[in-house]
Structure formats: structure tokens, C-alpha cells
């Protein structure tokens, strides 16, 4: 199991890392045995072409298996595939549903992307209040971009009551992680 965790970290943190044939075989063995973690890893490999030939159909197949078992990272990746039309025609309703499930499963990246969907009306009616709800959830998990966006909302009063102190606090948190936009907003 330690190898598969290492593999997932390589695939998500270092997109240009190359999965060895041993790790690909291990992920395949786990995936075929019904292991959601292995299915997610294998699906991610097929998206990126990392260690395998890129194949969006196979990625969708394995990620769907893992998503059915409740894997938030698989649900998130499937949602992104549906937004971009990878392995299937673009379907914003399916994208929204998968990303929402992942966000409800406390996946910070999904929470951030769900907020973006609400902000821009992608697969759902524009709703800045909902966007801020999901940015807050991601921000509380330490996602700097979500902290910055929440700061902007508080500074401008977009979907929340305007609150300069709250804006400052969220900008400060994002800036502490190196977010340049937050640093710039703090200097103003």
C-alpha cells in the first residue's frame, strides 16, 4: 500500500514524474481487484500518460469505478474530464455532479473548483454566496487560492457582507503561503 500512496503523490504533486512499470503493474493489479485507490491511481496515469499510453476512455473507466466507491479524488478528476470533454463529450451537468460529490467529501481542490463553477455559472446558475461557501471550505483546509478569492469577496462584498478585516485576514493567510495576488492586495 505504501507504493500506491507514493505513486499517487508522484502523480498529483509532480506531474512530470514517471511511474515505473512496477508501479503501473501494481496499480493495475489493485484496480482489477476492485481497490478504489488503485483504480484512482491507474485512472490518473491514463489521464496524464504517466507510465502508460494516454487514454481518456481507460481513465474514465477506472476513475468511474473508484468514484462509485466514493473516492473524492476520482470524482473530482471525472468532473474535470467532463468539463474538458476528455473521454466523452463535455457535459457540464455531469461535471458539476461529480465535483459536488468530491467537494462534499472534503476534497479541497473540488471545493475550490465547485466555487469556480458557482462563480462563473458553469453547469449551475451563478451564485456568489455558494461560491463563497465552497471557497471558505477550501480556504479552511489551507488552499491559498481559495483564501485569496475569499479575501476578494470580503473586500468587494461579492456574495458576502463587505468586511475589510476579514478580507485582510484571508489575504494574510494566502500571502503566508506565497500567493502573489494576496501579497499585492496587502500592500495596497
C-alpha atoms as a PDB file:
ATOM      1  CA  UNK A   1       0.000   0.000   0.000  1.00  0.00           C
ATOM      2  CA  UNK A   2       2.940   2.322   0.666  1.00  0.00           C
ATOM      3  CA  UNK A   3       3.925   2.077  -3.023  1.00  0.00           C
ATOM      4  CA  UNK A   4       0.484   3.135  -4.217  1.00  0.00           C
ATOM      5  CA  UNK A   5       0.472   6.141  -1.874  1.00  0.00           C
ATOM      6  CA  UNK A   6       3.897   7.121  -3.189  1.00  0.00           C
ATOM      7  CA  UNK A   7       2.574   6.697  -6.720  1.00  0.00           C
ATOM      8  CA  UNK A   8      -0.436   8.919  -6.058  1.00  0.00           C
ATOM      9  CA  UNK A   9       1.786  11.593  -4.564  1.00  0.00           C
ATOM     10  CA  UNK A  10       4.075  11.425  -7.588  1.00  0.00           C
ATOM     11  CA  UNK A  11       1.127  11.732  -9.951  1.00  0.00           C
ATOM     12  CA  UNK A  12      -0.579  14.604  -8.146  1.00  0.00           C
ATOM     13  CA  UNK A  13       2.324  16.620  -6.763  1.00  0.00           C
ATOM     14  CA  UNK A  14       4.891  16.074  -9.503  1.00  0.00           C
ATOM     15  CA  UNK A  15       3.027  15.831 -12.797  1.00  0.00           C
ATOM     16  CA  UNK A  16       6.209  15.134 -14.737  1.00  0.00           C
ATOM     17  CA  UNK A  17       7.377  12.243 -12.569  1.00  0.00           C
ATOM     18  CA  UNK A  18       7.427   8.973 -14.446  1.00  0.00           C
ATOM     19  CA  UNK A  19       5.697   5.943 -12.996  1.00  0.00           C
ATOM     20  CA  UNK A  20       7.835   2.828 -13.261  1.00  0.00           C
ATOM     21  CA  UNK A  21       6.459  -0.282 -14.925  1.00  0.00           C
ATOM     22  CA  UNK A  22       6.442  -1.921 -11.487  1.00  0.00           C
ATOM     23  CA  UNK A  23       4.157   0.786 -10.086  1.00  0.00           C
ATOM     24  CA  UNK A  24       1.895   0.612 -13.140  1.00  0.00           C
ATOM     25  CA  UNK A  25       1.594  -3.166 -12.727  1.00  0.00           C
ATOM     26  CA  UNK A  26       0.899  -2.781  -9.023  1.00  0.00           C
ATOM     27  CA  UNK A  27      -1.810  -0.174  -9.664  1.00  0.00           C
ATOM     28  CA  UNK A  28      -3.319  -2.401 -12.360  1.00  0.00           C
ATOM     29  CA  UNK A  29      -3.384  -5.384 -10.005  1.00  0.00           C
ATOM     30  CA  UNK A  30      -5.085  -3.350  -7.291  1.00  0.00           C
ATOM     31  CA  UNK A  31      -7.520  -1.777  -9.764  1.00  0.00           C
ATOM     32  CA  UNK A  32      -8.571  -5.129 -11.218  1.00  0.00           C
ATOM     33  CA  UNK A  33      -9.086  -6.444  -7.678  1.00  0.00           C
ATOM     34  CA  UNK A  34     -11.583  -3.628  -7.063  1.00  0.00           C
ATOM     35  CA  UNK A  35      -9.336  -1.446  -4.919  1.00  0.00           C
ATOM     36  CA  UNK A  36     -10.551   2.171  -5.270  1.00  0.00           C
ATOM     37  CA  UNK A  37      -7.124   3.619  -4.521  1.00  0.00           C
ATOM     38  CA  UNK A  38      -5.554   1.506  -7.263  1.00  0.00           C
ATOM     39  CA  UNK A  39      -8.361   2.409  -9.668  1.00  0.00           C
ATOM     40  CA  UNK A  40      -7.838   6.104  -8.955  1.00  0.00           C
ATOM     41  CA  UNK A  41      -4.082   5.828  -9.439  1.00  0.00           C
ATOM     42  CA  UNK A  42      -4.481   3.910 -12.686  1.00  0.00           C
ATOM     43  CA  UNK A  43      -7.122   6.315 -13.985  1.00  0.00           C
ATOM     44  CA  UNK A  44      -4.853   9.246 -13.185  1.00  0.00           C
ATOM     45  CA  UNK A  45      -1.990   7.562 -15.035  1.00  0.00           C
ATOM     46  CA  UNK A  46      -4.195   7.196 -18.108  1.00  0.00           C
ATOM     47  CA  UNK A  47      -5.157  10.883 -17.949  1.00  0.00           C
ATOM     48  CA  UNK A  48      -1.565  12.051 -17.789  1.00  0.00           C
ATOM     49  CA  UNK A  49       0.067   9.314 -19.853  1.00  0.00           C
ATOM     50  CA  UNK A  50       2.373   8.744 -16.903  1.00  0.00           C
ATOM     51  CA  UNK A  51       3.812   5.225 -17.249  1.00  0.00           C
ATOM     52  CA  UNK A  52       1.098   4.231 -19.727  1.00  0.00           C
ATOM     53  CA  UNK A  53      -0.106   5.464 -23.086  1.00  0.00           C
ATOM     54  CA  UNK A  54      -2.530   8.329 -22.525  1.00  0.00           C
ATOM     55  CA  UNK A  55      -6.072   7.013 -22.950  1.00  0.00           C
ATOM     56  CA  UNK A  56      -9.027   9.071 -21.744  1.00  0.00           C
ATOM     57  CA  UNK A  57     -11.503   6.201 -22.217  1.00  0.00           C
ATOM     58  CA  UNK A  58      -9.486   3.952 -19.900  1.00  0.00           C
ATOM     59  CA  UNK A  59      -9.018   6.850 -17.488  1.00  0.00           C
ATOM     60  CA  UNK A  60     -12.767   7.401 -17.383  1.00  0.00           C
ATOM     61  CA  UNK A  61     -13.392   3.671 -16.907  1.00  0.00           C
ATOM     62  CA  UNK A  62     -11.082   3.318 -13.899  1.00  0.00           C
ATOM     63  CA  UNK A  63     -11.993   6.644 -12.323  1.00  0.00           C
ATOM     64  CA  UNK A  64     -15.693   5.774 -12.641  1.00  0.00           C
ATOM     65  CA  UNK A  65     -15.075   2.516 -10.762  1.00  0.00           C
ATOM     66  CA  UNK A  66     -13.314   4.390  -7.963  1.00  0.00           C
ATOM     67  CA  UNK A  67     -15.909   7.184  -7.920  1.00  0.00           C
ATOM     68  CA  UNK A  68     -18.670   4.615  -7.436  1.00  0.00           C
ATOM     69  CA  UNK A  69     -16.832   3.569  -4.272  1.00  0.00           C
ATOM     70  CA  UNK A  70     -16.832   7.155  -3.021  1.00  0.00           C
ATOM     71  CA  UNK A  71     -13.248   8.198  -3.837  1.00  0.00           C
ATOM     72  CA  UNK A  72     -13.390  12.005  -3.802  1.00  0.00           C
ATOM     73  CA  UNK A  73     -10.209  12.401  -5.872  1.00  0.00           C
ATOM     74  CA  UNK A  74     -11.649  10.119  -8.574  1.00  0.00           C
ATOM     75  CA  UNK A  75     -14.943  12.034  -8.526  1.00  0.00           C
ATOM     76  CA  UNK A  76     -13.043  15.310  -8.870  1.00  0.00           C
ATOM     77  CA  UNK A  77     -10.938  14.049 -11.769  1.00  0.00           C
ATOM     78  CA  UNK A  78     -14.034  12.715 -13.534  1.00  0.00           C
ATOM     79  CA  UNK A  79     -15.710  16.079 -13.128  1.00  0.00           C
ATOM     80  CA  UNK A  80     -12.713  17.814 -14.672  1.00  0.00           C
ATOM     81  CA  UNK A  81     -12.750  15.318 -17.549  1.00  0.00           C
ATOM     82  CA  UNK A  82     -16.423  16.102 -18.217  1.00  0.00           C
ATOM     83  CA  UNK A  83     -15.731  19.846 -18.184  1.00  0.00           C
ATOM     84  CA  UNK A  84     -12.992  19.414 -20.765  1.00  0.00           C
ATOM     85  CA  UNK A  85     -14.668  16.710 -22.831  1.00  0.00           C
ATOM     86  CA  UNK A  86     -11.905  14.184 -22.199  1.00  0.00           C
ATOM     87  CA  UNK A  87     -13.003  10.616 -22.990  1.00  0.00           C
ATOM     88  CA  UNK A  88     -16.590  11.727 -23.532  1.00  0.00           C
ATOM     89  CA  UNK A  89     -18.375  14.793 -24.869  1.00  0.00           C
ATOM     90  CA  UNK A  90     -18.279  17.744 -22.481  1.00  0.00           C
ATOM     91  CA  UNK A  91     -21.196  17.531 -20.054  1.00  0.00           C
ATOM     92  CA  UNK A  92     -21.353  20.344 -17.534  1.00  0.00           C
ATOM     93  CA  UNK A  93     -24.194  18.764 -15.559  1.00  0.00           C
ATOM     94  CA  UNK A  94     -22.197  15.563 -15.019  1.00  0.00           C
ATOM     95  CA  UNK A  95     -19.112  17.648 -14.276  1.00  0.00           C
ATOM     96  CA  UNK A  96     -20.991  19.612 -11.643  1.00  0.00           C
ATOM     97  CA  UNK A  97     -22.414  16.464 -10.045  1.00  0.00           C
ATOM     98  CA  UNK A  98     -19.039  14.727  -9.774  1.00  0.00           C
ATOM     99  CA  UNK A  99     -17.235  17.800  -8.497  1.00  0.00           C
ATOM    100  CA  UNK A 100     -20.005  18.488  -5.984  1.00  0.00           C
ATOM    101  CA  UNK A 101     -19.745  14.909  -4.630  1.00  0.00           C
ATOM    102  CA  UNK A 102     -15.987  15.291  -4.271  1.00  0.00           C
ATOM    103  CA  UNK A 103     -16.392  18.681  -2.588  1.00  0.00           C
ATOM    104  CA  UNK A 104     -18.879  17.211  -0.129  1.00  0.00           C
ATOM    105  CA  UNK A 105     -16.225  14.571   0.565  1.00  0.00           C
ATOM    106  CA  UNK A 106     -13.896  17.371   1.767  1.00  0.00           C
ATOM    107  CA  UNK A 107     -11.638  17.369  -1.321  1.00  0.00           C
ATOM    108  CA  UNK A 108     -10.123  20.880  -1.200  1.00  0.00           C
ATOM    109  CA  UNK A 109      -9.434  21.045  -4.942  1.00  0.00           C
ATOM    110  CA  UNK A 110     -13.016  20.026  -5.684  1.00  0.00           C
ATOM    111  CA  UNK A 111     -14.312  22.601  -3.218  1.00  0.00           C
ATOM    112  CA  UNK A 112     -12.287  25.263  -4.996  1.00  0.00           C
ATOM    113  CA  UNK A 113     -13.461  24.147  -8.439  1.00  0.00           C
ATOM    114  CA  UNK A 114     -17.078  23.944  -7.280  1.00  0.00           C
ATOM    115  CA  UNK A 115     -16.773  27.545  -6.084  1.00  0.00           C
ATOM    116  CA  UNK A 116     -15.443  28.494  -9.527  1.00  0.00           C
ATOM    117  CA  UNK A 117     -18.404  26.755 -11.147  1.00  0.00           C
ATOM    118  CA  UNK A 118     -20.806  28.771  -8.991  1.00  0.00           C
ATOM    119  CA  UNK A 119     -18.839  31.969  -9.609  1.00  0.00           C
ATOM    120  CA  UNK A 120     -18.950  31.571 -13.386  1.00  0.00           C
ATOM    121  CA  UNK A 121     -22.239  29.709 -13.849  1.00  0.00           C
ATOM    122  CA  UNK A 122     -20.612  26.550 -15.214  1.00  0.00           C
ATOM    123  CA  UNK A 123     -23.136  23.712 -15.049  1.00  0.00           C
ATOM    124  CA  UNK A 124     -25.110  25.676 -12.457  1.00  0.00           C
ATOM    125  CA  UNK A 125     -26.704  29.103 -12.045  1.00  0.00           C
ATOM    126  CA  UNK A 126     -24.242  31.810 -10.947  1.00  0.00           C
ATOM    127  CA  UNK A 127     -24.362  32.142  -7.189  1.00  0.00           C
ATOM    128  CA  UNK A 128     -21.656  34.129  -5.393  1.00  0.00           C
ATOM    129  CA  UNK A 129     -22.980  33.127  -1.981  1.00  0.00           C
ATOM    130  CA  UNK A 130     -22.489  29.452  -2.828  1.00  0.00           C
ATOM    131  CA  UNK A 131     -19.093  30.239  -4.362  1.00  0.00           C
ATOM    132  CA  UNK A 132     -18.007  31.793  -1.074  1.00  0.00           C
ATOM    133  CA  UNK A 133     -19.349  28.854   0.915  1.00  0.00           C
ATOM    134  CA  UNK A 134     -17.123  26.482  -1.054  1.00  0.00           C
ATOM    135  CA  UNK A 135     -14.134  28.832  -1.127  1.00  0.00           C
ATOM    136  CA  UNK A 136     -14.370  29.024   2.656  1.00  0.00           C
ATOM    137  CA  UNK A 137     -14.321  25.229   2.967  1.00  0.00           C
ATOM    138  CA  UNK A 138     -11.239  25.011   0.729  1.00  0.00           C
ATOM    139  CA  UNK A 139      -9.632  28.020   2.418  1.00  0.00           C
ATOM    140  CA  UNK A 140     -10.082  26.446   5.839  1.00  0.00           C
ATOM    141  CA  UNK A 141      -8.150  23.447   4.515  1.00  0.00           C
ATOM    142  CA  UNK A 142      -5.285  25.791   3.637  1.00  0.00           C
ATOM    143  CA  UNK A 143      -5.771  26.249  -0.129  1.00  0.00           C
ATOM    144  CA  UNK A 144      -4.101  29.610  -0.805  1.00  0.00           C
ATOM    145  CA  UNK A 145      -6.051  30.403  -3.981  1.00  0.00           C
ATOM    146  CA  UNK A 146      -9.326  29.875  -2.114  1.00  0.00           C
ATOM    147  CA  UNK A 147      -8.102  32.084   0.734  1.00  0.00           C
ATOM    148  CA  UNK A 148      -7.284  34.788  -1.790  1.00  0.00           C
ATOM    149  CA  UNK A 149     -10.659  34.522  -3.541  1.00  0.00           C
ATOM    150  CA  UNK A 150     -12.467  34.673  -0.214  1.00  0.00           C
ATOM    151  CA  UNK A 151     -10.436  37.782   0.622  1.00  0.00           C
ATOM    152  CA  UNK A 152     -11.533  39.387  -2.658  1.00  0.00           C
ATOM    153  CA  UNK A 153     -15.152  38.559  -1.875  1.00  0.00           C
ATOM    154  CA  UNK A 154     -14.933  40.158   1.554  1.00  0.00           C
ATOM    155  CA  UNK A 155     -13.103  43.183   0.186  1.00  0.00           C
ATOM    156  CA  UNK A 156     -15.690  43.778  -2.560  1.00  0.00           C
ATOM    157  CA  UNK A 157     -18.810  42.448  -0.823  1.00  0.00           C
ATOM    158  CA  UNK A 158     -19.383  39.914  -3.596  1.00  0.00           C
ATOM    159  CA  UNK A 159     -21.774  37.316  -2.177  1.00  0.00           C
ATOM    160  CA  UNK A 160     -20.930  38.256   1.414  1.00  0.00           C
ATOM    161  CA  UNK A 161     -21.264  41.340   3.558  1.00  0.00           C
ATOM    162  CA  UNK A 162     -18.261  43.579   2.884  1.00  0.00           C
ATOM    163  CA  UNK A 163     -15.729  43.157   5.686  1.00  0.00           C
ATOM    164  CA  UNK A 164     -12.268  44.677   5.272  1.00  0.00           C
ATOM    165  CA  UNK A 165     -10.890  42.928   8.371  1.00  0.00           C
ATOM    166  CA  UNK A 166     -11.992  39.507   7.103  1.00  0.00           C
ATOM    167  CA  UNK A 167     -10.507  40.362   3.694  1.00  0.00           C
ATOM    168  CA  UNK A 168      -7.211  41.287   5.354  1.00  0.00           C
ATOM    169  CA  UNK A 169      -7.185  38.070   7.409  1.00  0.00           C
ATOM    170  CA  UNK A 170      -7.759  35.847   4.337  1.00  0.00           C
ATOM    171  CA  UNK A 171      -5.194  37.768   2.275  1.00  0.00           C
ATOM    172  CA  UNK A 172      -2.685  37.373   5.102  1.00  0.00           C
ATOM    173  CA  UNK A 173      -3.214  33.597   5.182  1.00  0.00           C
ATOM    174  CA  UNK A 174      -2.817  33.309   1.402  1.00  0.00           C
ATOM    175  CA  UNK A 175       0.232  35.609   1.390  1.00  0.00           C
ATOM    176  CA  UNK A 176       1.885  33.490   4.088  1.00  0.00           C
ATOM    177  CA  UNK A 177       1.795  30.661   1.535  1.00  0.00           C
ATOM    178  CA  UNK A 178       3.401  32.835  -1.135  1.00  0.00           C
ATOM    179  CA  UNK A 179       0.267  33.873  -3.059  1.00  0.00           C
ATOM    180  CA  UNK A 180       1.381  36.917  -5.077  1.00  0.00           C
ATOM    181  CA  UNK A 181      -2.102  38.389  -5.570  1.00  0.00           C
ATOM    182  CA  UNK A 182      -2.667  38.329  -1.814  1.00  0.00           C
ATOM    183  CA  UNK A 183       0.724  39.949  -1.203  1.00  0.00           C
ATOM    184  CA  UNK A 184      -0.136  42.702  -3.687  1.00  0.00           C
ATOM    185  CA  UNK A 185      -3.542  43.307  -2.098  1.00  0.00           C
ATOM    186  CA  UNK A 186      -1.946  43.596   1.342  1.00  0.00           C
ATOM    187  CA  UNK A 187       0.461  46.254   0.045  1.00  0.00           C
ATOM    188  CA  UNK A 188      -2.407  48.455  -1.169  1.00  0.00           C
END
